[in-house]
Protein backbone atom coordinates (compact mmCIF):
# COMPACT_ATOMS: atom_id res chain seq x y z
CA MET A 1 26.01 14.35 -19.05
CA LEU A 2 29.01 13.01 -17.17
CA ILE A 3 27.41 13.43 -13.73
CA PHE A 4 24.56 11.10 -14.64
CA GLU A 5 26.86 8.49 -16.18
CA LEU A 6 29.10 8.49 -13.09
CA ALA A 7 26.11 8.18 -10.76
CA LEU A 8 24.55 5.30 -12.67
CA GLY A 9 27.82 3.59 -13.55
CA THR A 10 29.27 3.64 -10.04
CA GLY A 11 26.16 3.68 -7.86
CA GLN A 12 27.69 6.36 -5.61
CA ARG A 13 26.10 9.23 -3.71
CA ALA A 14 26.46 12.80 -4.98
CA PRO A 15 29.19 13.83 -2.50
CA GLY A 16 31.28 10.84 -3.55
CA LEU A 17 30.94 11.82 -7.18
CA THR A 18 32.40 15.27 -6.46
CA ARG A 19 35.52 13.73 -4.88
CA MET A 20 36.38 11.41 -7.78
CA GLU A 21 39.78 12.13 -9.30
CA TRP A 22 41.43 10.93 -12.50
CA GLY A 23 44.28 9.58 -10.36
CA HIS A 24 41.83 7.30 -8.55
CA ILE A 25 41.25 5.32 -11.74
CA GLU A 26 43.03 1.97 -11.78
CA ASP A 27 42.58 -1.24 -13.77
CA GLY A 28 39.37 -0.17 -15.49
CA GLY A 29 37.70 1.07 -12.31
CA ILE A 30 37.91 3.76 -9.67
CA TRP A 31 38.79 3.89 -5.99
CA VAL A 32 36.27 5.82 -3.90
CA THR A 33 35.96 6.47 -0.19
CA GLN A 34 32.35 7.03 0.71
CA GLY A 35 31.71 10.08 2.84
CA LYS A 36 28.68 8.68 4.66
CA THR A 37 30.17 5.32 5.62
CA ASN A 38 33.91 5.98 5.18
CA VAL A 39 34.05 2.68 3.27
CA ARG A 40 36.80 2.44 0.63
CA LEU A 41 35.71 0.66 -2.53
CA TRP A 42 37.14 -0.13 -5.92
CA ILE A 43 34.35 -0.04 -8.48
CA PRO A 44 34.89 -1.42 -11.98
CA PHE A 45 33.50 0.76 -14.74
CA THR A 46 30.63 -0.31 -16.91
CA LYS A 47 31.41 -0.37 -20.63
CA ARG A 48 29.19 2.67 -21.12
CA LEU A 49 30.94 4.67 -18.39
CA SER A 50 34.37 3.69 -19.76
CA SER A 51 33.31 4.95 -23.16
CA VAL A 52 32.05 8.26 -21.76
CA LEU A 53 35.19 8.81 -19.67
CA ALA A 54 37.40 8.10 -22.69
CA GLY A 55 35.91 11.19 -24.35
CA VAL A 56 36.64 13.57 -21.46
CA ASP A 57 39.63 15.92 -21.42
CA THR A 58 41.64 14.78 -18.40
CA SER A 59 44.18 17.62 -18.61
CA LYS A 60 41.67 20.19 -17.35
CA SER A 61 41.72 19.16 -13.69
CA ARG A 62 42.64 16.35 -11.35
CA PHE A 63 38.92 16.02 -10.56
CA ILE A 64 36.54 14.24 -12.90
CA LEU A 65 33.59 16.56 -12.29
CA THR A 66 34.54 20.18 -12.80
CA ASP A 67 33.03 23.52 -13.68
CA GLU A 68 33.85 25.40 -16.88
CA SER A 69 37.08 26.72 -15.32
CA GLY A 70 38.29 23.25 -14.37
CA HIS A 71 37.62 23.65 -10.64
CA GLN A 72 36.24 20.74 -8.64
CA LEU A 73 32.44 20.79 -8.43
CA ASN A 74 31.13 21.06 -4.90
CA TYR A 75 27.88 19.42 -3.83
CA ASP A 76 25.74 22.54 -4.42
CA GLN A 77 27.16 23.11 -7.91
CA LEU A 78 26.59 19.47 -8.77
CA GLN A 79 22.98 19.61 -7.62
CA LYS A 80 22.35 22.85 -9.54
CA GLN A 81 23.66 21.26 -12.75
CA VAL A 82 21.52 18.19 -12.19
CA ILE A 83 18.40 20.27 -11.50
CA ARG A 84 19.03 22.36 -14.62
CA VAL A 85 19.18 19.20 -16.77
CA ARG A 86 16.19 17.61 -15.04
CA ARG A 87 14.14 20.78 -15.52
CA ALA A 88 15.08 21.06 -19.22
CA ALA A 89 14.18 17.41 -19.79
CA GLY A 90 10.93 17.62 -17.79
CA LEU A 91 12.22 15.05 -15.29
CA MET A 92 11.71 16.86 -12.00
CA ASP A 93 10.17 13.75 -10.43
CA TYR A 94 13.56 12.03 -10.67
CA SER A 95 16.61 12.64 -8.50
CA LEU A 96 20.34 12.07 -8.74
CA HIS A 97 20.07 9.70 -5.78
CA GLY A 98 17.52 7.78 -7.84
CA LEU A 99 20.37 6.81 -10.18
CA ARG A 100 22.10 5.16 -7.21
CA ASP A 101 18.88 3.25 -6.58
CA CYS A 102 18.68 2.40 -10.28
CA ALA A 103 22.25 1.08 -10.30
CA ALA A 104 21.48 -1.17 -7.32
CA GLY A 105 18.25 -2.32 -8.96
CA GLU A 106 20.01 -3.14 -12.23
CA LEU A 107 22.59 -5.19 -10.34
CA ALA A 108 19.82 -7.04 -8.50
CA GLU A 109 17.90 -7.73 -11.70
CA ALA A 110 21.10 -9.04 -13.29
CA GLY A 111 21.14 -11.70 -10.57
CA CYS A 112 23.84 -10.25 -8.33
CA THR A 113 23.91 -11.37 -4.72
CA ASP A 114 23.31 -8.87 -1.94
CA HIS A 115 27.04 -8.95 -1.16
CA GLN A 116 27.92 -8.23 -4.80
CA ILE A 117 25.55 -5.26 -4.87
CA ALA A 118 27.03 -3.94 -1.61
CA ALA A 119 30.52 -4.26 -3.13
CA ILE A 120 29.46 -1.66 -5.71
CA THR A 121 27.14 0.59 -3.70
CA GLY A 122 29.03 0.39 -0.41
CA HIS A 123 25.91 -0.22 1.65
CA LYS A 124 26.95 -1.42 5.10
CA SER A 125 23.55 -2.89 5.88
CA LEU A 126 22.42 -5.84 3.81
CA SER A 127 18.84 -4.94 4.73
CA MET A 128 19.25 -1.79 2.63
CA VAL A 129 20.58 -3.85 -0.27
CA GLN A 130 17.64 -6.24 0.09
CA LYS A 131 15.37 -3.29 -0.63
CA TYR A 132 16.63 -3.59 -4.22
CA SER A 133 17.18 -7.33 -4.48
CA LYS A 134 13.91 -8.51 -2.98
CA GLY A 135 11.73 -7.26 -5.81
CA ALA A 136 14.22 -8.23 -8.50
CA SER A 137 14.54 -11.80 -7.30
CA GLN A 138 10.82 -12.40 -6.83
CA LYS A 139 10.02 -13.29 -10.44
CA PRO A 140 12.88 -15.79 -11.00
CA LEU A 141 12.18 -17.34 -7.59
CA ALA A 142 8.49 -17.69 -8.44
CA ILE A 143 9.34 -19.36 -11.77
CA GLU A 144 11.75 -21.72 -10.01
CA ALA A 145 9.12 -22.53 -7.39
CA GLN A 146 6.46 -23.35 -9.98
CA ASN A 147 8.94 -25.50 -11.92
CA LEU A 148 9.76 -27.45 -8.77
CA ARG A 149 6.06 -27.81 -8.05
CA GLU A 150 5.41 -29.20 -11.51
CA GLN A 151 8.35 -31.59 -11.23
CA LYS A 152 6.95 -32.97 -7.99
CA TRP A 153 3.23 -33.01 -8.73
CA GLY A 154 2.98 -32.80 -12.50
CA LYS A 155 1.18 -29.99 -14.29
CA THR A 156 -1.28 -28.28 -11.98
């Protein structure tokens, strides 16, 4: 479903997803202005999201997320669609906002810096970004630490 791909591919909150327009797409990404922080971001598309968007009829509306009549989805309509899909799939323990968290976590696990993650998610506070990056960086840091230890002291 397009809503899920947009959420995961852009790392944006639900209200931001409802405001995305086809005209905001530029150079393989999309311009968004976050409602919560009023931060304007350009977010490059993932290959998967680009592929999904390529299959969508853009003549139906200026907005990317629309109802059957081509009208812009509002927040309540978006949430109802998401709940319907979650219920049908037996995934009620998961939320749309969780896809934002997942996007940030994937970026952290890929080795992105906190600033790189914030460039996608729009978090103003690096402490919020560190919520995702701290756990992701622990394993590589631990491996690096043990390697340094062995270089200094030999195999222990």
